[in-house]
Amino acid sequence: MTFLPFYCFNSSVVEVKKTWEKALKHCRKTHAKLISLLSETEHWLAQKAIQRVQITERVWFGLRYLSDRWLWVDKHPLVYQAWPRGGDQDHQCPAWKRCGALTKGGLWENRDCQERLHFICM
């Protein structure tokens, strides 16, 4: 008998624009959470999901800057990262943009939490 690995990734792109906090609450109401992208595979799957629908150029995901560091809402450690290389490095010490967004191009951005974006629940 041969066992093959598989990857189960159950997410939903919500096509309603909300602030980061309201997106978090929306996901929790549906017994889900804002998605955490803990690996390159999860990142790739999320990116593919947002390219298939007509949504904002970027979407909220479960990353927030609190207490001088970026944290996942589900309390996983921030190991895997996909910030842009070079250029704008304001994610290292964000003044106002303290919520994480995933672009359709696959990069992470820190954005103003009051922006209204679509989002991904998992």
PDB file of N, CA and C in Angstrom:
ATOM      1  N   MET A   1       0.849  -1.162   0.000  1.00  0.00           N
ATOM      2  CA  MET A   1       0.000   0.000   0.000  1.00  0.00           C
ATOM      3  C   MET A   1       0.902   1.235   0.000  1.00  0.00           C
ATOM      4  N   THR A   2       0.584   2.201  -0.839  1.00  0.00           N
ATOM      5  CA  THR A   2       1.348   3.432  -0.927  1.00  0.00           C
ATOM      6  C   THR A   2       0.506   4.586  -0.394  1.00  0.00           C
ATOM      7  N   PHE A   3       1.106   5.377   0.482  1.00  0.00           N
ATOM      8  CA  PHE A   3       0.433   6.557   1.007  1.00  0.00           C
ATOM      9  C   PHE A   3       1.004   7.785   0.320  1.00  0.00           C
ATOM     10  N   LEU A   4       0.136   8.615  -0.186  1.00  0.00           N
ATOM     11  CA  LEU A   4       0.562   9.839  -0.840  1.00  0.00           C
ATOM     12  C   LEU A   4       0.168  11.029   0.037  1.00  0.00           C
ATOM     13  N   PRO A   5       1.032  12.021   0.154  1.00  0.00           N
ATOM     14  CA  PRO A   5       0.683  13.189   0.957  1.00  0.00           C
ATOM     15  C   PRO A   5      -0.371  14.035   0.248  1.00  0.00           C
ATOM     16  N   PHE A   6      -1.175  14.700   1.008  1.00  0.00           N
ATOM     17  CA  PHE A   6      -2.137  15.641   0.446  1.00  0.00           C
ATOM     18  C   PHE A   6      -2.222  16.845   1.364  1.00  0.00           C
ATOM     19  N   TYR A   7      -2.805  17.907   0.848  1.00  0.00           N
ATOM     20  CA  TYR A   7      -2.892  19.150   1.608  1.00  0.00           C
ATOM     21  C   TYR A   7      -4.323  19.633   1.553  1.00  0.00           C
ATOM     22  N   CYS A   8      -4.972  19.704   2.686  1.00  0.00           N
ATOM     23  CA  CYS A   8      -6.346  20.175   2.765  1.00  0.00           C
ATOM     24  C   CYS A   8      -6.331  21.663   3.125  1.00  0.00           C
ATOM     25  N   PHE A   9      -6.941  22.472   2.304  1.00  0.00           N
ATOM     26  CA  PHE A   9      -6.933  23.922   2.494  1.00  0.00           C
ATOM     27  C   PHE A   9      -8.336  24.414   2.219  1.00  0.00           C
ATOM     28  N   ASN A  10      -9.079  24.696   3.252  1.00  0.00           N
ATOM     29  CA  ASN A  10     -10.465  25.112   3.113  1.00  0.00           C
ATOM     30  C   ASN A  10     -10.577  26.583   3.470  1.00  0.00           C
ATOM     31  N   SER A  11     -10.686  27.423   2.462  1.00  0.00           N
ATOM     32  CA  SER A  11     -10.795  28.858   2.703  1.00  0.00           C
ATOM     33  C   SER A  11     -11.936  29.415   1.875  1.00  0.00           C
ATOM     34  N   SER A  12     -12.389  30.601   2.259  1.00  0.00           N
ATOM     35  CA  SER A  12     -13.416  31.272   1.467  1.00  0.00           C
ATOM     36  C   SER A  12     -13.071  32.749   1.357  1.00  0.00           C
ATOM     37  N   VAL A  13     -13.116  33.242   0.132  1.00  0.00           N
ATOM     38  CA  VAL A  13     -12.897  34.662  -0.115  1.00  0.00           C
ATOM     39  C   VAL A  13     -14.242  35.350   0.068  1.00  0.00           C
ATOM     40  N   VAL A  14     -14.280  36.318   0.976  1.00  0.00           N
ATOM     41  CA  VAL A  14     -15.523  37.037   1.248  1.00  0.00           C
ATOM     42  C   VAL A  14     -15.527  38.306   0.403  1.00  0.00           C
ATOM     43  N   GLU A  15     -16.517  38.417  -0.457  1.00  0.00           N
ATOM     44  CA  GLU A  15     -16.588  39.521  -1.404  1.00  0.00           C
ATOM     45  C   GLU A  15     -17.421  40.676  -0.863  1.00  0.00           C
ATOM     46  N   VAL A  16     -17.182  41.023   0.384  1.00  0.00           N
ATOM     47  CA  VAL A  16     -17.783  42.188   1.024  1.00  0.00           C
ATOM     48  C   VAL A  16     -16.627  42.977   1.604  1.00  0.00           C
ATOM     49  N   LYS A  17     -16.578  44.282   1.346  1.00  0.00           N
ATOM     50  CA  LYS A  17     -15.481  45.100   1.848  1.00  0.00           C
ATOM     51  C   LYS A  17     -15.732  45.485   3.293  1.00  0.00           C
ATOM     52  N   LYS A  18     -14.729  45.200   4.136  1.00  0.00           N
ATOM     53  CA  LYS A  18     -14.817  45.535   5.558  1.00  0.00           C
ATOM     54  C   LYS A  18     -13.461  46.004   6.058  1.00  0.00           C
ATOM     55  N   THR A  19     -13.471  46.690   7.209  1.00  0.00           N
ATOM     56  CA  THR A  19     -12.214  47.014   7.870  1.00  0.00           C
ATOM     57  C   THR A  19     -11.619  45.716   8.388  1.00  0.00           C
ATOM     58  N   TRP A  20     -10.354  45.751   8.806  1.00  0.00           N
ATOM     59  CA  TRP A  20      -9.709  44.538   9.299  1.00  0.00           C
ATOM     60  C   TRP A  20     -10.455  43.966  10.500  1.00  0.00           C
ATOM     61  N   GLU A  21     -10.810  44.820  11.461  1.00  0.00           N
ATOM     62  CA  GLU A  21     -11.529  44.356  12.665  1.00  0.00           C
ATOM     63  C   GLU A  21     -12.879  43.750  12.312  1.00  0.00           C
ATOM     64  N   LYS A  22     -13.615  44.393  11.414  1.00  0.00           N
ATOM     65  CA  LYS A  22     -14.935  43.870  11.035  1.00  0.00           C
ATOM     66  C   LYS A  22     -14.800  42.576  10.244  1.00  0.00           C
ATOM     67  N   ALA A  23     -13.725  42.452   9.462  1.00  0.00           N
ATOM     68  CA  ALA A  23     -13.466  41.187   8.749  1.00  0.00           C
ATOM     69  C   ALA A  23     -13.197  40.081   9.764  1.00  0.00           C
ATOM     70  N   LEU A  24     -12.401  40.381  10.785  1.00  0.00           N
ATOM     71  CA  LEU A  24     -12.112  39.407  11.843  1.00  0.00           C
ATOM     72  C   LEU A  24     -13.404  38.950  12.518  1.00  0.00           C
ATOM     73  N   LYS A  25     -14.266  39.901  12.851  1.00  0.00           N
ATOM     74  CA  LYS A  25     -15.548  39.571  13.500  1.00  0.00           C
ATOM     75  C   LYS A  25     -16.443  38.752  12.574  1.00  0.00           C
ATOM     76  N   HIS A  26     -16.461  39.119  11.288  1.00  0.00           N
ATOM     77  CA  HIS A  26     -17.275  38.373  10.317  1.00  0.00           C
ATOM     78  C   HIS A  26     -16.838  36.907  10.266  1.00  0.00           C
ATOM     79  N   CYS A  27     -15.537  36.678  10.177  1.00  0.00           N
ATOM     80  CA  CYS A  27     -15.037  35.300  10.130  1.00  0.00           C
ATOM     81  C   CYS A  27     -15.419  34.545  11.402  1.00  0.00           C
ATOM     82  N   ARG A  28     -15.255  35.193  12.544  1.00  0.00           N
ATOM     83  CA  ARG A  28     -15.571  34.523  13.812  1.00  0.00           C
ATOM     84  C   ARG A  28     -17.051  34.193  13.930  1.00  0.00           C
ATOM     85  N   LYS A  29     -17.920  35.032  13.363  1.00  0.00           N
ATOM     86  CA  LYS A  29     -19.358  34.745  13.388  1.00  0.00           C
ATOM     87  C   LYS A  29     -19.687  33.473  12.622  1.00  0.00           C
ATOM     88  N   THR A  30     -18.882  33.164  11.626  1.00  0.00           N
ATOM     89  CA  THR A  30     -19.127  31.973  10.808  1.00  0.00           C
ATOM     90  C   THR A  30     -18.258  30.803  11.273  1.00  0.00           C
ATOM     91  N   HIS A  31     -17.780  30.872  12.521  1.00  0.00           N
ATOM     92  CA  HIS A  31     -16.951  29.819  13.128  1.00  0.00           C
ATOM     93  C   HIS A  31     -15.665  29.587  12.343  1.00  0.00           C
ATOM     94  N   ALA A  32     -15.100  30.670  11.858  1.00  0.00           N
ATOM     95  CA  ALA A  32     -13.843  30.610  11.117  1.00  0.00           C
ATOM     96  C   ALA A  32     -12.900  31.665  11.698  1.00  0.00           C
ATOM     97  N   LYS A  33     -11.815  31.928  10.984  1.00  0.00           N
ATOM     98  CA  LYS A  33     -10.861  32.953  11.398  1.00  0.00           C
ATOM     99  C   LYS A  33     -10.297  33.604  10.145  1.00  0.00           C
ATOM    100  N   LEU A  34      -9.759  34.793  10.302  1.00  0.00           N
ATOM    101  CA  LEU A  34      -9.004  35.359   9.192  1.00  0.00           C
ATOM    102  C   LEU A  34      -7.835  34.417   8.938  1.00  0.00           C
ATOM    103  N   ILE A  35      -7.562  34.147   7.710  1.00  0.00           N
ATOM    104  CA  ILE A  35      -6.570  33.140   7.351  1.00  0.00           C
ATOM    105  C   ILE A  35      -5.158  33.525   7.806  1.00  0.00           C
ATOM    106  N   SER A  36      -4.421  32.558   8.285  1.00  0.00           N
ATOM    107  CA  SER A  36      -2.992  32.693   8.580  1.00  0.00           C
ATOM    108  C   SER A  36      -2.234  31.947   7.493  1.00  0.00           C
ATOM    109  N   LEU A  37      -1.230  32.578   6.941  1.00  0.00           N
ATOM    110  CA  LEU A  37      -0.437  31.962   5.873  1.00  0.00           C
ATOM    111  C   LEU A  37       0.882  31.498   6.481  1.00  0.00           C
ATOM    112  N   LEU A  38       0.893  30.266   6.943  1.00  0.00           N
ATOM    113  CA  LEU A  38       2.009  29.743   7.721  1.00  0.00           C
ATOM    114  C   LEU A  38       3.101  29.084   6.889  1.00  0.00           C
ATOM    115  N   SER A  39       2.850  28.922   5.588  1.00  0.00           N
ATOM    116  CA  SER A  39       3.832  28.245   4.744  1.00  0.00           C
ATOM    117  C   SER A  39       3.732  28.767   3.324  1.00  0.00           C
ATOM    118  N   GLU A  40       4.713  28.420   2.527  1.00  0.00           N
ATOM    119  CA  GLU A  40       4.701  28.808   1.114  1.00  0.00           C
ATOM    120  C   GLU A  40       3.504  28.177   0.398  1.00  0.00           C
ATOM    121  N   THR A  41       3.152  26.964   0.769  1.00  0.00           N
ATOM    122  CA  THR A  41       2.008  26.286   0.147  1.00  0.00           C
ATOM    123  C   THR A  41       0.709  27.021   0.462  1.00  0.00           C
ATOM    124  N   GLU A  42       0.481  27.373   1.722  1.00  0.00           N
ATOM    125  CA  GLU A  42      -0.733  28.103   2.097  1.00  0.00           C
ATOM    126  C   GLU A  42      -0.780  29.458   1.403  1.00  0.00           C
ATOM    127  N   HIS A  43       0.360  30.114   1.321  1.00  0.00           N
ATOM    128  CA  HIS A  43       0.451  31.404   0.649  1.00  0.00           C
ATOM    129  C   HIS A  43       0.064  31.259  -0.822  1.00  0.00           C
ATOM    130  N   TRP A  44       0.593  30.265  -1.501  1.00  0.00           N
ATOM    131  CA  TRP A  44       0.308  30.031  -2.907  1.00  0.00           C
ATOM    132  C   TRP A  44      -1.186  29.721  -3.119  1.00  0.00           C
ATOM    133  N   LEU A  45      -1.758  28.878  -2.256  1.00  0.00           N
ATOM    134  CA  LEU A  45      -3.178  28.526  -2.383  1.00  0.00           C
ATOM    135  C   LEU A  45      -4.080  29.738  -2.173  1.00  0.00           C
ATOM    136  N   ALA A  46      -3.748  30.582  -1.200  1.00  0.00           N
ATOM    137  CA  ALA A  46      -4.532  31.798  -0.961  1.00  0.00           C
ATOM    138  C   ALA A  46      -4.426  32.748  -2.149  1.00  0.00           C
ATOM    139  N   GLN A  47      -3.230  32.890  -2.675  1.00  0.00           N
ATOM    140  CA  GLN A  47      -3.034  33.764  -3.831  1.00  0.00           C
ATOM    141  C   GLN A  47      -3.862  33.280  -5.016  1.00  0.00           C
ATOM    142  N   LYS A  48      -3.873  31.986  -5.255  1.00  0.00           N
ATOM    143  CA  LYS A  48      -4.670  31.431  -6.351  1.00  0.00           C
ATOM    144  C   LYS A  48      -6.163  31.682  -6.118  1.00  0.00           C
ATOM    145  N   ALA A  49      -6.605  31.573  -4.883  1.00  0.00           N
ATOM    146  CA  ALA A  49      -8.029  31.775  -4.567  1.00  0.00           C
ATOM    147  C   ALA A  49      -8.469  33.210  -4.863  1.00  0.00           C
ATOM    148  N   ILE A  50      -7.622  34.188  -4.567  1.00  0.00           N
ATOM    149  CA  ILE A  50      -8.040  35.577  -4.787  1.00  0.00           C
ATOM    150  C   ILE A  50      -7.901  36.003  -6.249  1.00  0.00           C
ATOM    151  N   GLN A  51      -7.197  35.248  -7.050  1.00  0.00           N
ATOM    152  CA  GLN A  51      -7.081  35.584  -8.468  1.00  0.00           C
ATOM    153  C   GLN A  51      -8.279  35.081  -9.266  1.00  0.00           C
ATOM    154  N   ARG A  52      -9.038  34.175  -8.686  1.00  0.00           N
ATOM    155  CA  ARG A  52     -10.175  33.593  -9.413  1.00  0.00           C
ATOM    156  C   ARG A  52     -11.440  34.421  -9.304  1.00  0.00           C
ATOM    157  N   VAL A  53     -11.473  35.398  -8.433  1.00  0.00           N
ATOM    158  CA  VAL A  53     -12.701  36.168  -8.223  1.00  0.00           C
ATOM    159  C   VAL A  53     -12.436  37.650  -8.473  1.00  0.00           C
ATOM    160  N   GLN A  54     -13.522  38.379  -8.710  1.00  0.00           N
ATOM    161  CA  GLN A  54     -13.436  39.825  -8.934  1.00  0.00           C
ATOM    162  C   GLN A  54     -13.485  40.540  -7.583  1.00  0.00           C
ATOM    163  N   ILE A  55     -12.307  40.796  -7.039  1.00  0.00           N
ATOM    164  CA  ILE A  55     -12.225  41.427  -5.724  1.00  0.00           C
ATOM    165  C   ILE A  55     -11.195  42.544  -5.754  1.00  0.00           C
ATOM    166  N   THR A  56     -11.021  43.185  -4.623  1.00  0.00           N
ATOM    167  CA  THR A  56     -10.037  44.249  -4.497  1.00  0.00           C
ATOM    168  C   THR A  56      -8.639  43.723  -4.810  1.00  0.00           C
ATOM    169  N   GLU A  57      -7.730  44.600  -5.151  1.00  0.00           N
ATOM    170  CA  GLU A  57      -6.354  44.218  -5.512  1.00  0.00           C
ATOM    171  C   GLU A  57      -5.630  43.531  -4.366  1.00  0.00           C
ATOM    172  N   ARG A  58      -6.066  43.783  -3.155  1.00  0.00           N
ATOM    173  CA  ARG A  58      -5.479  43.142  -1.971  1.00  0.00           C
ATOM    174  C   ARG A  58      -6.616  42.726  -1.047  1.00  0.00           C
ATOM    175  N   VAL A  59      -6.350  41.740  -0.201  1.00  0.00           N
ATOM    176  CA  VAL A  59      -7.358  41.243   0.743  1.00  0.00           C
ATOM    177  C   VAL A  59      -6.746  41.167   2.139  1.00  0.00           C
ATOM    178  N   TRP A  60      -7.598  41.300   3.143  1.00  0.00           N
ATOM    179  CA  TRP A  60      -7.141  41.138   4.528  1.00  0.00           C
ATOM    180  C   TRP A  60      -6.839  39.674   4.807  1.00  0.00           C
ATOM    181  N   PHE A  61      -5.840  39.454   5.629  1.00  0.00           N
ATOM    182  CA  PHE A  61      -5.596  38.137   6.196  1.00  0.00           C
ATOM    183  C   PHE A  61      -5.223  38.333   7.653  1.00  0.00           C
ATOM    184  N   GLY A  62      -4.970  37.262   8.396  1.00  0.00           N
ATOM    185  CA  GLY A  62      -4.907  37.316   9.854  1.00  0.00           C
ATOM    186  C   GLY A  62      -3.615  37.790  10.481  1.00  0.00           C
ATOM    187  N   LEU A  63      -2.991  38.819   9.930  1.00  0.00           N
ATOM    188  CA  LEU A  63      -1.739  39.333  10.473  1.00  0.00           C
ATOM    189  C   LEU A  63      -1.943  40.756  10.979  1.00  0.00           C
ATOM    190  N   ARG A  64      -1.461  41.019  12.213  1.00  0.00           N
ATOM    191  CA  ARG A  64      -1.629  42.345  12.826  1.00  0.00           C
ATOM    192  C   ARG A  64      -0.373  42.719  13.590  1.00  0.00           C
ATOM    193  N   TYR A  65      -0.022  44.003  13.575  1.00  0.00           N
ATOM    194  CA  TYR A  65       1.151  44.505  14.289  1.00  0.00           C
ATOM    195  C   TYR A  65       0.709  44.982  15.667  1.00  0.00           C
ATOM    196  N   LEU A  66       1.151  44.278  16.707  1.00  0.00           N
ATOM    197  CA  LEU A  66       0.826  44.617  18.098  1.00  0.00           C
ATOM    198  C   LEU A  66       2.070  44.417  18.952  1.00  0.00           C
ATOM    199  N   SER A  67       2.233  45.254  19.941  1.00  0.00           N
ATOM    200  CA  SER A  67       3.349  45.107  20.890  1.00  0.00           C
ATOM    201  C   SER A  67       4.697  44.999  20.175  1.00  0.00           C
ATOM    202  N   ASP A  68       4.910  45.847  19.186  1.00  0.00           N
ATOM    203  CA  ASP A  68       6.185  45.930  18.466  1.00  0.00           C
ATOM    204  C   ASP A  68       6.551  44.697  17.651  1.00  0.00           C
ATOM    205  N   ARG A  69       5.552  43.912  17.235  1.00  0.00           N
ATOM    206  CA  ARG A  69       5.839  42.777  16.355  1.00  0.00           C
ATOM    207  C   ARG A  69       4.565  42.337  15.634  1.00  0.00           C
ATOM    208  N   TRP A  70       4.771  41.643  14.521  1.00  0.00           N
ATOM    209  CA  TRP A  70       3.656  41.101  13.753  1.00  0.00           C
ATOM    210  C   TRP A  70       3.224  39.778  14.377  1.00  0.00           C
ATOM    211  N   LEU A  71       1.906  39.614  14.529  1.00  0.00           N
ATOM    212  CA  LEU A  71       1.342  38.420  15.151  1.00  0.00           C
ATOM    213  C   LEU A  71       0.193  37.874  14.312  1.00  0.00           C
ATOM    214  N   TRP A  72       0.078  36.548  14.269  1.00  0.00           N
ATOM    215  CA  TRP A  72      -1.082  35.917  13.646  1.00  0.00           C
ATOM    216  C   TRP A  72      -2.227  35.922  14.649  1.00  0.00           C
ATOM    217  N   VAL A  73      -3.449  36.111  14.162  1.00  0.00           N
ATOM    218  CA  VAL A  73      -4.599  36.144  15.061  1.00  0.00           C
ATOM    219  C   VAL A  73      -4.836  34.800  15.744  1.00  0.00           C
ATOM    220  N   ASP A  74      -4.369  33.716  15.141  1.00  0.00           N
ATOM    221  CA  ASP A  74      -4.551  32.396  15.761  1.00  0.00           C
ATOM    222  C   ASP A  74      -3.370  32.006  16.650  1.00  0.00           C
ATOM    223  N   LYS A  75      -2.467  32.961  16.904  1.00  0.00           N
ATOM    224  CA  LYS A  75      -1.347  32.807  17.840  1.00  0.00           C
ATOM    225  C   LYS A  75      -0.206  31.921  17.340  1.00  0.00           C
ATOM    226  N   HIS A  76      -0.202  31.530  16.070  1.00  0.00           N
ATOM    227  CA  HIS A  76       0.945  30.814  15.509  1.00  0.00           C
ATOM    228  C   HIS A  76       2.125  31.775  15.423  1.00  0.00           C
ATOM    229  N   PRO A  77       3.337  31.283  15.560  1.00  0.00           N
ATOM    230  CA  PRO A  77       4.506  32.162  15.417  1.00  0.00           C
ATOM    231  C   PRO A  77       4.678  32.597  13.955  1.00  0.00           C
ATOM    232  N   LEU A  78       5.195  33.793  13.757  1.00  0.00           N
ATOM    233  CA  LEU A  78       5.447  34.304  12.418  1.00  0.00           C
ATOM    234  C   LEU A  78       6.803  33.786  11.956  1.00  0.00           C
ATOM    235  N   VAL A  79       6.782  32.695  11.224  1.00  0.00           N
ATOM    236  CA  VAL A  79       8.003  32.076  10.716  1.00  0.00           C
ATOM    237  C   VAL A  79       8.120  32.368   9.222  1.00  0.00           C
ATOM    238  N   TYR A  80       7.148  31.895   8.449  1.00  0.00           N
ATOM    239  CA  TYR A  80       7.121  32.160   7.006  1.00  0.00           C
ATOM    240  C   TYR A  80       6.680  33.606   6.782  1.00  0.00           C
ATOM    241  N   GLN A  81       7.330  34.329   5.853  1.00  0.00           N
ATOM    242  CA  GLN A  81       6.972  35.702   5.533  1.00  0.00           C
ATOM    243  C   GLN A  81       7.097  35.940   4.039  1.00  0.00           C
ATOM    244  N   ALA A  82       6.283  36.848   3.502  1.00  0.00           N
ATOM    245  CA  ALA A  82       6.334  37.175   2.070  1.00  0.00           C
ATOM    246  C   ALA A  82       6.263  38.683   1.847  1.00  0.00           C
ATOM    247  N   TRP A  83       7.006  39.438   2.647  1.00  0.00           N
ATOM    248  CA  TRP A  83       7.088  40.882   2.460  1.00  0.00           C
ATOM    249  C   TRP A  83       7.887  41.165   1.191  1.00  0.00           C
ATOM    250  N   PRO A  84       7.656  42.316   0.545  1.00  0.00           N
ATOM    251  CA  PRO A  84       8.462  42.652  -0.638  1.00  0.00           C
ATOM    252  C   PRO A  84       9.939  42.815  -0.262  1.00  0.00           C
ATOM    253  N   ARG A  85      10.809  42.433  -1.154  1.00  0.00           N
ATOM    254  CA  ARG A  85      12.253  42.589  -0.916  1.00  0.00           C
ATOM    255  C   ARG A  85      12.687  43.962  -1.418  1.00  0.00           C
ATOM    256  N   GLY A  86      13.552  44.622  -0.631  1.00  0.00           N
ATOM    257  CA  GLY A  86      14.062  45.938  -1.029  1.00  0.00           C
ATOM    258  C   GLY A  86      12.970  46.990  -1.029  1.00  0.00           C
ATOM    259  N   GLY A  87      13.304  48.189  -1.394  1.00  0.00           N
ATOM    260  CA  GLY A  87      12.309  49.261  -1.495  1.00  0.00           C
ATOM    261  C   GLY A  87      11.668  49.570  -0.160  1.00  0.00           C
ATOM    262  N   ASP A  88      10.353  49.660  -0.150  1.00  0.00           N
ATOM    263  CA  ASP A  88       9.586  50.064   1.023  1.00  0.00           C
ATOM    264  C   ASP A  88       9.680  49.010   2.120  1.00  0.00           C
ATOM    265  N   GLN A  89      10.234  49.383   3.249  1.00  0.00           N
ATOM    266  CA  GLN A  89      10.386  48.451   4.372  1.00  0.00           C
ATOM    267  C   GLN A  89       9.581  48.909   5.596  1.00  0.00           C
ATOM    268  N   ASP A  90       8.495  49.665   5.381  1.00  0.00           N
ATOM    269  CA  ASP A  90       7.764  50.186   6.534  1.00  0.00           C
ATOM    270  C   ASP A  90       7.031  49.111   7.330  1.00  0.00           C
ATOM    271  N   HIS A  91       7.036  47.859   6.858  1.00  0.00           N
ATOM    272  CA  HIS A  91       6.451  46.771   7.654  1.00  0.00           C
ATOM    273  C   HIS A  91       7.311  46.460   8.884  1.00  0.00           C
ATOM    274  N   GLN A  92       8.567  46.908   8.862  1.00  0.00           N
ATOM    275  CA  GLN A  92       9.461  46.617   9.985  1.00  0.00           C
ATOM    276  C   GLN A  92       9.130  47.447  11.219  1.00  0.00           C
ATOM    277  N   CYS A  93       8.549  48.624  11.011  1.00  0.00           N
ATOM    278  CA  CYS A  93       8.153  49.471  12.142  1.00  0.00           C
ATOM    279  C   CYS A  93       6.998  50.365  11.690  1.00  0.00           C
ATOM    280  N   PRO A  94       5.835  49.781  11.477  1.00  0.00           N
ATOM    281  CA  PRO A  94       4.720  50.555  10.921  1.00  0.00           C
ATOM    282  C   PRO A  94       4.168  51.589  11.910  1.00  0.00           C
ATOM    283  N   ALA A  95       3.962  52.795  11.412  1.00  0.00           N
ATOM    284  CA  ALA A  95       3.393  53.842  12.251  1.00  0.00           C
ATOM    285  C   ALA A  95       1.862  53.750  12.264  1.00  0.00           C
ATOM    286  N   TRP A  96       1.256  53.719  11.080  1.00  0.00           N
ATOM    287  CA  TRP A  96      -0.211  53.689  11.001  1.00  0.00           C
ATOM    288  C   TRP A  96      -0.744  52.427  10.346  1.00  0.00           C
ATOM    289  N   LYS A  97       0.031  51.843   9.484  1.00  0.00           N
ATOM    290  CA  LYS A  97      -0.446  50.695   8.721  1.00  0.00           C
ATOM    291  C   LYS A  97      -0.098  49.423   9.478  1.00  0.00           C
ATOM    292  N   ARG A  98      -1.017  48.956  10.323  1.00  0.00           N
ATOM    293  CA  ARG A  98      -0.715  47.873  11.251  1.00  0.00           C
ATOM    294  C   ARG A  98      -1.488  46.584  10.995  1.00  0.00           C
ATOM    295  N   CYS A  99      -2.090  46.460   9.806  1.00  0.00           N
ATOM    296  CA  CYS A  99      -2.818  45.235   9.476  1.00  0.00           C
ATOM    297  C   CYS A  99      -2.284  44.658   8.170  1.00  0.00           C
ATOM    298  N   GLY A 100      -2.225  43.325   8.103  1.00  0.00           N
ATOM    299  CA  GLY A 100      -1.645  42.655   6.949  1.00  0.00           C
ATOM    300  C   GLY A 100      -2.643  42.402   5.836  1.00  0.00           C
ATOM    301  N   ALA A 101      -2.184  42.622   4.602  1.00  0.00           N
ATOM    302  CA  ALA A 101      -2.995  42.344   3.417  1.00  0.00           C
ATOM    303  C   ALA A 101      -2.150  41.559   2.418  1.00  0.00           C
ATOM    304  N   LEU A 102      -2.804  40.697   1.665  1.00  0.00           N
ATOM    305  CA  LEU A 102      -2.178  39.909   0.614  1.00  0.00           C
ATOM    306  C   LEU A 102      -2.586  40.504  -0.729  1.00  0.00           C
ATOM    307  N   THR A 103      -1.611  40.805  -1.591  1.00  0.00           N
ATOM    308  CA  THR A 103      -1.931  41.348  -2.908  1.00  0.00           C
ATOM    309  C   THR A 103      -2.171  40.213  -3.895  1.00  0.00           C
ATOM    310  N   LYS A 104      -2.845  40.525  -4.986  1.00  0.00           N
ATOM    311  CA  LYS A 104      -3.060  39.526  -6.031  1.00  0.00           C
ATOM    312  C   LYS A 104      -1.731  39.075  -6.630  1.00  0.00           C
ATOM    313  N   GLY A 105      -0.689  39.921  -6.504  1.00  0.00           N
ATOM    314  CA  GLY A 105       0.638  39.553  -6.972  1.00  0.00           C
ATOM    315  C   GLY A 105       1.387  38.661  -6.003  1.00  0.00           C
ATOM    316  N   GLY A 106       0.790  38.386  -4.835  1.00  0.00           N
ATOM    317  CA  GLY A 106       1.378  37.450  -3.886  1.00  0.00           C
ATOM    318  C   GLY A 106       2.254  38.060  -2.810  1.00  0.00           C
ATOM    319  N   LEU A 107       2.306  39.376  -2.725  1.00  0.00           N
ATOM    320  CA  LEU A 107       3.121  40.009  -1.694  1.00  0.00           C
ATOM    321  C   LEU A 107       2.270  40.416  -0.500  1.00  0.00           C
ATOM    322  N   TRP A 108       2.917  40.479   0.645  1.00  0.00           N
ATOM    323  CA  TRP A 108       2.258  40.987   1.843  1.00  0.00           C
ATOM    324  C   TRP A 108       2.483  42.490   1.901  1.00  0.00           C
ATOM    325  N   GLU A 109       1.470  43.203   2.380  1.00  0.00           N
ATOM    326  CA  GLU A 109       1.575  44.639   2.607  1.00  0.00           C
ATOM    327  C   GLU A 109       1.013  44.956   3.970  1.00  0.00           C
ATOM    328  N   ASN A 110       1.552  45.980   4.596  1.00  0.00           N
ATOM    329  CA  ASN A 110       0.901  46.491   5.788  1.00  0.00           C
ATOM    330  C   ASN A 110       0.044  47.672   5.357  1.00  0.00           C
ATOM    331  N   ARG A 111      -1.203  47.655   5.816  1.00  0.00           N
ATOM    332  CA  ARG A 111      -2.195  48.642   5.392  1.00  0.00           C
ATOM    333  C   ARG A 111      -2.863  49.244   6.615  1.00  0.00           C
ATOM    334  N   ASP A 112      -3.517  50.383   6.401  1.00  0.00           N
ATOM    335  CA  ASP A 112      -4.311  51.023   7.444  1.00  0.00           C
ATOM    336  C   ASP A 112      -5.498  50.114   7.752  1.00  0.00           C
ATOM    337  N   CYS A 113      -5.663  49.751   8.997  1.00  0.00           N
ATOM    338  CA  CYS A 113      -6.703  48.791   9.411  1.00  0.00           C
ATOM    339  C   CYS A 113      -8.118  49.291   9.126  1.00  0.00           C
ATOM    340  N   GLN A 114      -8.278  50.590   8.884  1.00  0.00           N
ATOM    341  CA  GLN A 114      -9.600  51.149   8.615  1.00  0.00           C
ATOM    342  C   GLN A 114      -9.986  51.083   7.135  1.00  0.00           C
ATOM    343  N   GLU A 115      -9.053  50.686   6.283  1.00  0.00           N
ATOM    344  CA  GLU A 115      -9.392  50.496   4.873  1.00  0.00           C
ATOM    345  C   GLU A 115     -10.462  49.417   4.766  1.00  0.00           C
ATOM    346  N   ARG A 116     -11.240  49.495   3.716  1.00  0.00           N
ATOM    347  CA  ARG A 116     -12.263  48.472   3.476  1.00  0.00           C
ATOM    348  C   ARG A 116     -11.798  47.599   2.312  1.00  0.00           C
ATOM    349  N   LEU A 117     -11.501  46.347   2.656  1.00  0.00           N
ATOM    350  CA  LEU A 117     -11.029  45.383   1.663  1.00  0.00           C
ATOM    351  C   LEU A 117     -11.839  44.099   1.763  1.00  0.00           C
ATOM    352  N   HIS A 118     -11.787  43.292   0.717  1.00  0.00           N
ATOM    353  CA  HIS A 118     -12.296  41.936   0.808  1.00  0.00           C
ATOM    354  C   HIS A 118     -11.342  41.147   1.698  1.00  0.00           C
ATOM    355  N   PHE A 119     -11.686  39.916   2.063  1.00  0.00           N
ATOM    356  CA  PHE A 119     -10.848  39.168   3.011  1.00  0.00           C
ATOM    357  C   PHE A 119     -11.044  37.679   2.832  1.00  0.00           C
ATOM    358  N   ILE A 120     -10.139  36.903   3.472  1.00  0.00           N
ATOM    359  CA  ILE A 120     -10.194  35.451   3.371  1.00  0.00           C
ATOM    360  C   ILE A 120     -10.390  34.855   4.764  1.00  0.00           C
ATOM    361  N   CYS A 121     -11.437  34.055   4.903  1.00  0.00           N
ATOM    362  CA  CYS A 121     -11.679  33.297   6.142  1.00  0.00           C
ATOM    363  C   CYS A 121     -11.241  31.854   5.922  1.00  0.00           C
ATOM    364  N   MET A 122     -10.896  31.218   7.018  1.00  0.00           N
ATOM    365  CA  MET A 122     -10.517  29.800   6.939  1.00  0.00           C
ATOM    366  C   MET A 122     -11.070  29.067   8.145  1.00  0.00           C
TER     367      MET A 122
END
